[in-house]
Amino acid sequence: MTPKVGIVGYRGYSGAELVRLLERHPSVQPVLLDHRSEDGSRPPIRHSTPPLRLPCGPEAVTNEGLAIVFLATPPEVSIDLAPAMLGAGARVVDLSGAFRLRTPEAYLAWYKEVHTQPALLAEAVYGLPESCRDGIPGARLLSNPGCYPTAANLAIAPLVQAGVVDRASGIVCDAKSGASGAGRKPSLKTAFCEVTENFSAYSILRHRHVPEVLMVSQLEEREFSFTAHLLPVHRGILETIYFRAIGVERPEDLLAIYEKRYAAEPFIRLYEPGHVPDLRAVAHTNFCDIGVTFDPRSGRAVVVSAIDNLVKGAAGQAIQNMNLMLGFPETESLL
C-alpha cells in the first residue's frame, strides 16, 4: 500500500511547498492536518482534487496509518505536537528549530525559551543528508536543518574537515535571504512597503541558526561571524563566505576537496573556479550550488553558496529526508 504522510502547517510557505512536492511524489499519499482554524484560505480550483484534510491529532495518525507527520509549524507548536504524533505511531519530520540543538541549555540560550521536551531534543536526528546521512534512515524524530545553516554547512564543513581553513583568522558568512524565509505570519518587518526597494541586516551576532553551523562544521563561536540580511525577493538564499586558506596553492585545490566530498551527492553542484552561483540558478530546486574564488598571493578565499530557502532550505530537504527514512530513491519528486 502507498504510505500516507501528514502535513501540519500546510498553509505556510514551507508547508505549501511541501504539499506541492508531495503531490507529485509517486510513492506517498499526502494528508492535510488542521491544527488550528484560519479564515481566508485559498479557494479551491475547479476540477482539482485536493489531498484528504483532517483535524490534527493522534486519531488521524491511528485511523489513517500515517507513516510520517511533517511539522511545518513554529518551534513551540512542534514541541507541543511531536510527542502526540510519535505516541500514536508516526515518525516525525520537524521543519522548525524545535529539535535542532542538542541540549535544553543551548535551546534556551539561542531561542530564549525553555524546552519542555528535553528527552526528544536529545533523541532527534539532525537531517542534513550530505553530512549526517547514517542516522537518518532509522530516525523516529528527524529535525530538518535551518535554511541558512544548510547553505553554510555544505560550503564550510568540507573545508574545515580538510584542514585548509585558517581558523585563527575566522570565517565570515554574509548571508542574504528572500522574504519567505521569515514565514507567512504578518509582521512589520516583512510588510511589502518595508521590504521592497530595501535591504537590511538583522539578528547580528545572535541569529538562532548560528549554533547549527557550529555544531555541524565543528567550529567555535569565536571562529564564526554570521550576519543575515533580508532581500526584497520572494525566495532564495545566497551566502558569501570569506576565510584565509592554508595549505592550498590554487582554487582547484579547494574545488578538489568539494569534488571528493560530494562525488556521490545528487543535490550538490560545483562551479568552475572563479565562477559563482546566483539565486536564479537554484530557484524552485533542491540543489545547493557552490562556487570558489581564491587569491594565492594573499591566501584570501571566497566561497559562494546558494539554495532555494523553501526547497533545499525547507520542504525539499524534508522530502529528501523522508525518502531516506522510507527507503525510496533519495531524489524522488525532487529531480
Protein backbone atom coordinates (compact mmCIF):
# COMPACT_ATOMS: atom_id res chain seq x y z
CA MET A 1 0.00 0.00 0.00
CA THR A 2 1.10 3.58 -0.65
CA PRO A 3 2.21 5.14 2.65
CA LYS A 4 0.27 8.16 3.85
CA VAL A 5 2.10 11.17 5.24
CA GLY A 6 0.55 14.05 7.17
CA ILE A 7 1.39 17.75 6.81
CA VAL A 8 0.73 20.14 9.68
CA GLY A 9 1.12 23.82 8.83
CA TYR A 10 0.35 23.36 5.15
CA ARG A 11 -0.88 26.96 4.81
CA GLY A 12 2.58 28.42 5.49
CA TYR A 13 5.18 28.99 2.80
CA SER A 14 7.28 25.92 3.64
CA GLY A 15 4.17 23.81 4.24
CA ALA A 16 2.62 24.81 0.92
CA GLU A 17 5.88 23.97 -0.85
CA LEU A 18 5.86 20.62 0.92
CA VAL A 19 2.35 19.85 -0.32
CA ARG A 20 3.30 20.84 -3.88
CA LEU A 21 6.27 18.48 -3.90
CA LEU A 22 4.46 15.63 -2.16
CA GLU A 23 1.52 15.77 -4.58
CA ARG A 24 3.88 14.79 -7.39
CA HIS A 25 5.64 12.10 -5.32
CA PRO A 26 4.74 8.70 -6.82
CA SER A 27 5.22 6.69 -3.63
CA VAL A 28 3.31 8.56 -0.90
CA GLN A 29 -0.15 10.00 -0.34
CA PRO A 30 -0.28 13.40 1.43
CA VAL A 31 -2.90 14.13 4.09
CA LEU A 32 -3.50 17.69 5.31
CA LEU A 33 -3.79 18.04 9.09
CA ASP A 34 -5.54 21.11 10.55
CA HIS A 35 -4.12 22.12 13.93
CA ARG A 36 -5.95 25.48 14.10
CA SER A 37 -8.73 27.29 12.29
CA GLU A 38 -7.89 30.02 9.82
CA ASP A 39 -10.02 32.37 7.76
CA GLY A 40 -9.11 33.41 4.27
CA SER A 41 -7.72 30.12 2.96
CA ARG A 42 -7.34 29.96 -0.79
CA PRO A 43 -10.47 28.99 -2.75
CA PRO A 44 -10.48 25.54 -4.35
CA ILE A 45 -9.51 25.28 -8.00
CA ARG A 46 -12.24 23.91 -10.28
CA HIS A 47 -11.64 20.29 -11.37
CA SER A 48 -8.84 19.97 -8.78
CA THR A 49 -8.93 17.20 -6.19
CA PRO A 50 -7.13 18.40 -3.05
CA PRO A 51 -5.50 15.97 -0.61
CA LEU A 52 -7.56 14.48 2.21
CA ARG A 53 -7.97 17.01 5.03
CA LEU A 54 -8.43 16.01 8.68
CA PRO A 55 -8.21 17.51 12.16
CA CYS A 56 -4.70 17.21 13.56
CA GLY A 57 -4.37 14.72 16.39
CA PRO A 58 -3.34 11.20 17.35
CA GLU A 59 -6.64 9.88 15.97
CA ALA A 60 -5.69 10.94 12.44
CA VAL A 61 -2.35 9.16 12.78
CA THR A 62 -4.01 5.97 14.01
CA ASN A 63 -7.05 5.96 11.71
CA GLU A 64 -5.11 6.81 8.53
CA GLY A 65 -1.99 4.84 9.46
CA LEU A 66 0.26 7.83 8.81
CA ALA A 67 3.86 6.72 8.37
CA ILE A 68 5.34 10.21 8.80
CA VAL A 69 3.98 13.53 10.00
CA PHE A 70 5.68 16.72 8.78
CA LEU A 71 5.50 19.63 11.20
CA ALA A 72 5.82 22.89 9.22
CA THR A 73 4.98 24.83 12.36
CA PRO A 74 6.65 27.32 14.74
CA PRO A 75 9.01 25.73 17.32
CA GLU A 76 6.59 26.00 20.22
CA VAL A 77 3.86 24.26 18.22
CA SER A 78 6.24 21.48 17.11
CA ILE A 79 7.30 20.90 20.73
CA ASP A 80 3.64 20.55 21.68
CA LEU A 81 2.60 18.30 18.76
CA ALA A 82 5.61 15.99 18.33
CA PRO A 83 5.05 13.82 21.44
CA ALA A 84 1.44 13.06 20.45
CA MET A 85 2.35 12.22 16.86
CA LEU A 86 5.19 9.94 17.99
CA GLY A 87 2.99 8.36 20.65
CA ALA A 88 0.38 7.49 18.04
CA GLY A 89 2.98 5.60 16.00
CA ALA A 90 4.05 8.10 13.33
CA ARG A 91 7.59 9.21 12.69
CA VAL A 92 8.06 12.97 12.70
CA VAL A 93 9.98 15.30 10.39
CA ASP A 94 10.05 18.73 12.01
CA LEU A 95 10.83 21.75 9.84
CA SER A 96 11.13 24.19 12.75
CA GLY A 97 14.06 24.81 15.08
CA ALA A 98 12.39 22.92 17.94
CA PHE A 99 14.73 19.93 17.94
CA ARG A 100 17.87 21.11 16.11
CA LEU A 101 20.07 21.80 19.11
CA ARG A 102 21.37 19.11 21.41
CA THR A 103 20.67 20.46 24.91
CA PRO A 104 17.95 22.46 26.69
CA GLU A 105 20.66 24.91 27.75
CA ALA A 106 21.61 25.63 24.15
CA TYR A 107 17.96 25.98 23.18
CA LEU A 108 17.35 28.48 26.00
CA ALA A 109 20.47 30.47 25.05
CA TRP A 110 19.57 30.84 21.36
CA TYR A 111 15.75 30.58 21.26
CA LYS A 112 15.12 32.36 24.59
CA GLU A 113 12.56 29.72 25.60
CA VAL A 114 12.58 26.77 27.98
CA HIS A 115 12.45 23.47 26.09
CA THR A 116 9.73 21.28 27.58
CA GLN A 117 10.72 18.04 25.81
CA PRO A 118 14.42 17.53 26.66
CA ALA A 119 14.27 13.76 26.03
CA LEU A 120 13.04 14.32 22.47
CA LEU A 121 15.62 17.06 21.99
CA ALA A 122 18.33 14.53 22.84
CA GLU A 123 16.78 11.84 20.61
CA ALA A 124 16.25 13.94 17.47
CA VAL A 125 18.46 13.24 14.46
CA TYR A 126 19.75 16.29 12.59
CA GLY A 127 18.76 15.83 8.95
CA LEU A 128 21.44 17.29 6.71
CA PRO A 129 21.85 14.25 4.43
CA GLU A 130 25.18 15.30 2.93
CA SER A 131 26.73 15.40 6.42
CA CYS A 132 24.54 13.21 8.66
CA ARG A 133 23.15 10.52 6.35
CA ASP A 134 23.90 7.48 8.53
CA GLY A 135 21.42 8.40 11.26
CA ILE A 136 18.54 9.43 9.02
CA PRO A 137 17.02 6.10 7.82
CA GLY A 138 16.35 4.86 11.37
CA ALA A 139 15.26 8.18 12.86
CA ARG A 140 11.99 8.35 14.76
CA LEU A 141 12.22 12.13 15.12
CA LEU A 142 14.05 13.97 12.33
CA SER A 143 14.98 17.64 12.73
CA ASN A 144 15.16 19.35 9.35
CA PRO A 145 18.03 21.88 9.24
CA GLY A 146 17.55 25.61 9.00
CA CYS A 147 17.88 27.28 5.62
CA TYR A 148 20.88 29.46 6.46
CA PRO A 149 22.83 26.58 8.09
CA THR A 150 22.14 24.30 5.13
CA ALA A 151 23.89 26.65 2.70
CA ALA A 152 26.64 27.46 5.21
CA ASN A 153 27.46 23.94 6.37
CA LEU A 154 27.53 22.46 2.88
CA ALA A 155 30.12 25.10 1.95
CA ILE A 156 32.16 25.24 5.18
CA ALA A 157 32.24 21.74 6.69
CA PRO A 158 34.32 20.01 3.97
CA LEU A 159 36.97 22.74 4.12
CA VAL A 160 37.22 22.68 7.92
CA GLN A 161 37.44 18.89 7.90
CA ALA A 162 40.21 19.05 5.28
CA GLY A 163 42.20 21.47 7.45
CA VAL A 164 42.54 24.19 4.83
CA VAL A 165 40.86 26.98 6.84
CA ASP A 166 42.99 29.30 8.96
CA ARG A 167 40.64 29.13 11.92
CA ALA A 168 42.59 31.72 13.90
CA SER A 169 41.65 34.28 11.24
CA GLY A 170 38.00 33.28 11.47
CA ILE A 171 35.24 32.70 8.93
CA VAL A 172 32.83 35.43 7.91
CA CYS A 173 29.46 34.43 6.47
CA ASP A 174 27.49 37.22 4.80
CA ALA A 175 24.05 35.72 4.20
CA LYS A 176 21.03 37.03 2.30
CA SER A 177 17.53 35.56 2.21
CA GLY A 178 14.27 36.19 0.42
CA ALA A 179 11.32 37.40 2.49
CA SER A 180 9.58 33.99 2.56
CA GLY A 181 12.29 32.85 4.99
CA ALA A 182 10.53 34.84 7.71
CA GLY A 183 7.35 32.77 7.34
CA ARG A 184 3.81 33.72 6.43
CA LYS A 185 2.75 35.27 9.76
CA PRO A 186 2.32 39.02 9.16
CA SER A 187 4.90 41.37 10.67
CA LEU A 188 6.00 44.94 10.07
CA LYS A 189 9.50 43.77 9.08
CA THR A 190 8.17 41.70 6.17
CA ALA A 191 5.40 44.03 5.03
CA PHE A 192 5.63 44.92 1.34
CA CYS A 193 6.49 48.59 1.87
CA GLU A 194 9.24 47.65 4.34
CA VAL A 195 10.87 45.05 2.09
CA THR A 196 10.53 46.39 -1.43
CA GLU A 197 13.39 48.62 -2.64
CA ASN A 198 15.15 47.91 0.65
CA PHE A 199 17.98 45.75 2.01
CA SER A 200 18.57 45.24 5.72
CA ALA A 201 20.66 43.27 8.21
CA TYR A 202 19.14 41.63 11.28
CA SER A 203 19.95 39.42 14.31
CA ILE A 204 23.61 40.46 14.09
CA LEU A 205 25.86 38.05 16.02
CA ARG A 206 22.84 36.41 17.72
CA HIS A 207 20.96 34.66 14.92
CA ARG A 208 19.41 31.42 16.19
CA HIS A 209 20.79 29.47 13.22
CA VAL A 210 24.40 30.07 14.26
CA PRO A 211 24.66 27.07 16.63
CA GLU A 212 23.67 24.71 13.81
CA VAL A 213 26.69 25.84 11.81
CA LEU A 214 28.95 25.49 14.84
CA MET A 215 27.57 22.01 15.54
CA VAL A 216 27.90 20.56 12.03
CA SER A 217 31.07 22.33 10.89
CA GLN A 218 32.74 21.81 14.28
CA LEU A 219 33.59 25.45 14.87
CA GLU A 220 33.87 27.56 17.99
CA GLU A 221 31.62 30.59 18.21
CA ARG A 222 34.64 32.92 18.27
CA GLU A 223 35.72 31.48 14.89
CA PHE A 224 32.49 32.25 13.04
CA SER A 225 30.84 35.59 12.28
CA PHE A 226 27.39 35.43 10.70
CA THR A 227 25.12 38.24 9.56
CA ALA A 228 21.71 37.67 7.99
CA HIS A 229 20.19 40.11 5.50
CA LEU A 230 16.67 40.42 4.11
CA LEU A 231 16.45 40.71 0.33
CA PRO A 232 13.45 42.25 -1.48
CA VAL A 233 12.74 38.96 -3.29
CA HIS A 234 10.35 36.09 -2.58
CA ARG A 235 12.72 33.12 -2.26
CA GLY A 236 16.36 32.14 -2.26
CA ILE A 237 19.46 32.26 -0.05
CA LEU A 238 22.90 33.36 -1.16
CA GLU A 239 25.82 33.26 1.25
CA THR A 240 29.23 34.80 0.60
CA ILE A 241 31.78 33.15 2.88
CA TYR A 242 35.21 34.69 3.49
CA PHE A 243 38.26 33.00 5.08
CA ARG A 244 42.03 32.62 4.82
CA ALA A 245 43.10 29.34 3.23
CA ILE A 246 46.19 27.40 4.28
CA GLY A 247 47.97 24.51 2.58
CA VAL A 248 46.50 25.21 -0.85
CA GLU A 249 48.06 26.86 -3.89
CA ARG A 250 45.26 27.11 -6.43
CA PRO A 251 41.47 27.42 -6.45
CA GLU A 252 41.42 23.95 -8.00
CA ASP A 253 42.78 22.61 -4.69
CA LEU A 254 39.71 23.88 -2.85
CA LEU A 255 37.42 22.63 -5.58
CA ALA A 256 39.03 19.18 -5.37
CA ILE A 257 38.02 18.96 -1.69
CA TYR A 258 34.38 19.53 -2.62
CA GLU A 259 34.59 17.12 -5.55
CA LYS A 260 35.89 14.34 -3.34
CA ARG A 261 33.41 15.01 -0.55
CA TYR A 262 30.33 15.38 -2.75
CA ALA A 263 31.11 12.96 -5.58
CA ALA A 264 28.05 10.82 -4.83
CA GLU A 265 25.71 13.62 -3.74
CA PRO A 266 22.88 14.29 -6.22
CA PHE A 267 21.97 17.77 -4.96
CA ILE A 268 25.38 19.47 -4.85
CA ARG A 269 26.52 21.34 -7.97
CA LEU A 270 30.05 22.78 -8.19
CA TYR A 271 31.17 25.65 -10.42
CA GLU A 272 34.46 26.09 -12.23
CA PRO A 273 37.00 28.20 -10.25
CA GLY A 274 36.19 31.89 -10.38
CA HIS A 275 32.53 31.29 -11.24
CA VAL A 276 29.78 31.56 -8.62
CA PRO A 277 26.05 30.80 -8.44
CA ASP A 278 23.19 33.25 -8.18
CA LEU A 279 19.65 32.89 -6.86
CA ARG A 280 18.11 32.25 -10.26
CA ALA A 281 20.28 29.15 -10.71
CA VAL A 282 18.72 27.37 -7.72
CA ALA A 283 15.17 28.76 -7.62
CA HIS A 284 12.50 26.04 -7.25
CA THR A 285 15.18 23.30 -6.97
CA ASN A 286 16.66 21.15 -4.22
CA PHE A 287 20.22 21.95 -5.32
CA CYS A 288 22.94 23.67 -3.37
CA ASP A 289 25.31 25.41 -5.81
CA ILE A 290 28.85 26.23 -4.69
CA GLY A 291 31.50 28.39 -6.36
CA VAL A 292 35.07 29.12 -5.21
CA THR A 293 37.41 32.06 -5.78
CA PHE A 294 40.97 32.07 -4.37
CA ASP A 295 43.89 34.51 -4.39
CA PRO A 296 47.15 32.53 -3.93
CA ARG A 297 49.18 35.66 -3.20
CA SER A 298 47.22 36.69 -0.10
CA GLY A 299 45.57 33.38 0.80
CA ARG A 300 42.14 35.01 0.68
CA ALA A 301 39.33 32.66 -0.31
CA VAL A 302 35.67 33.35 -1.04
CA VAL A 303 33.00 30.66 -1.37
CA VAL A 304 29.51 31.47 -2.61
CA SER A 305 26.76 29.01 -1.66
CA ALA A 306 23.19 29.32 -2.97
CA ILE A 307 19.96 27.43 -2.27
CA ASP A 308 16.22 27.92 -2.53
CA ASN A 309 15.20 28.51 1.09
CA LEU A 310 11.79 26.89 0.57
CA VAL A 311 13.16 23.76 -1.14
CA LYS A 312 16.68 22.70 -0.12
CA GLY A 313 16.29 25.02 2.87
CA ALA A 314 12.97 23.51 3.99
CA ALA A 315 10.42 21.37 2.12
CA GLY A 316 12.72 19.75 -0.45
CA GLN A 317 15.23 18.70 2.17
CA ALA A 318 12.38 17.37 4.33
CA ILE A 319 11.29 15.14 1.43
CA GLN A 320 14.90 14.14 0.79
CA ASN A 321 14.99 13.00 4.42
CA MET A 322 11.61 11.26 4.10
CA ASN A 323 12.88 9.34 1.08
CA LEU A 324 15.84 8.10 3.11
CA MET A 325 13.61 7.22 6.07
CA LEU A 326 11.13 5.23 3.96
CA GLY A 327 13.67 3.61 1.65
CA PHE A 328 12.71 5.49 -1.52
CA PRO A 329 15.24 6.82 -4.05
CA GLU A 330 16.71 9.96 -2.48
CA THR A 331 15.85 12.11 -5.48
CA GLU A 332 12.19 11.00 -5.74
CA SER A 333 9.96 14.00 -6.63
CA LEU A 334 12.97 16.36 -6.33
CA LEU A 335 14.55 16.00 -9.79
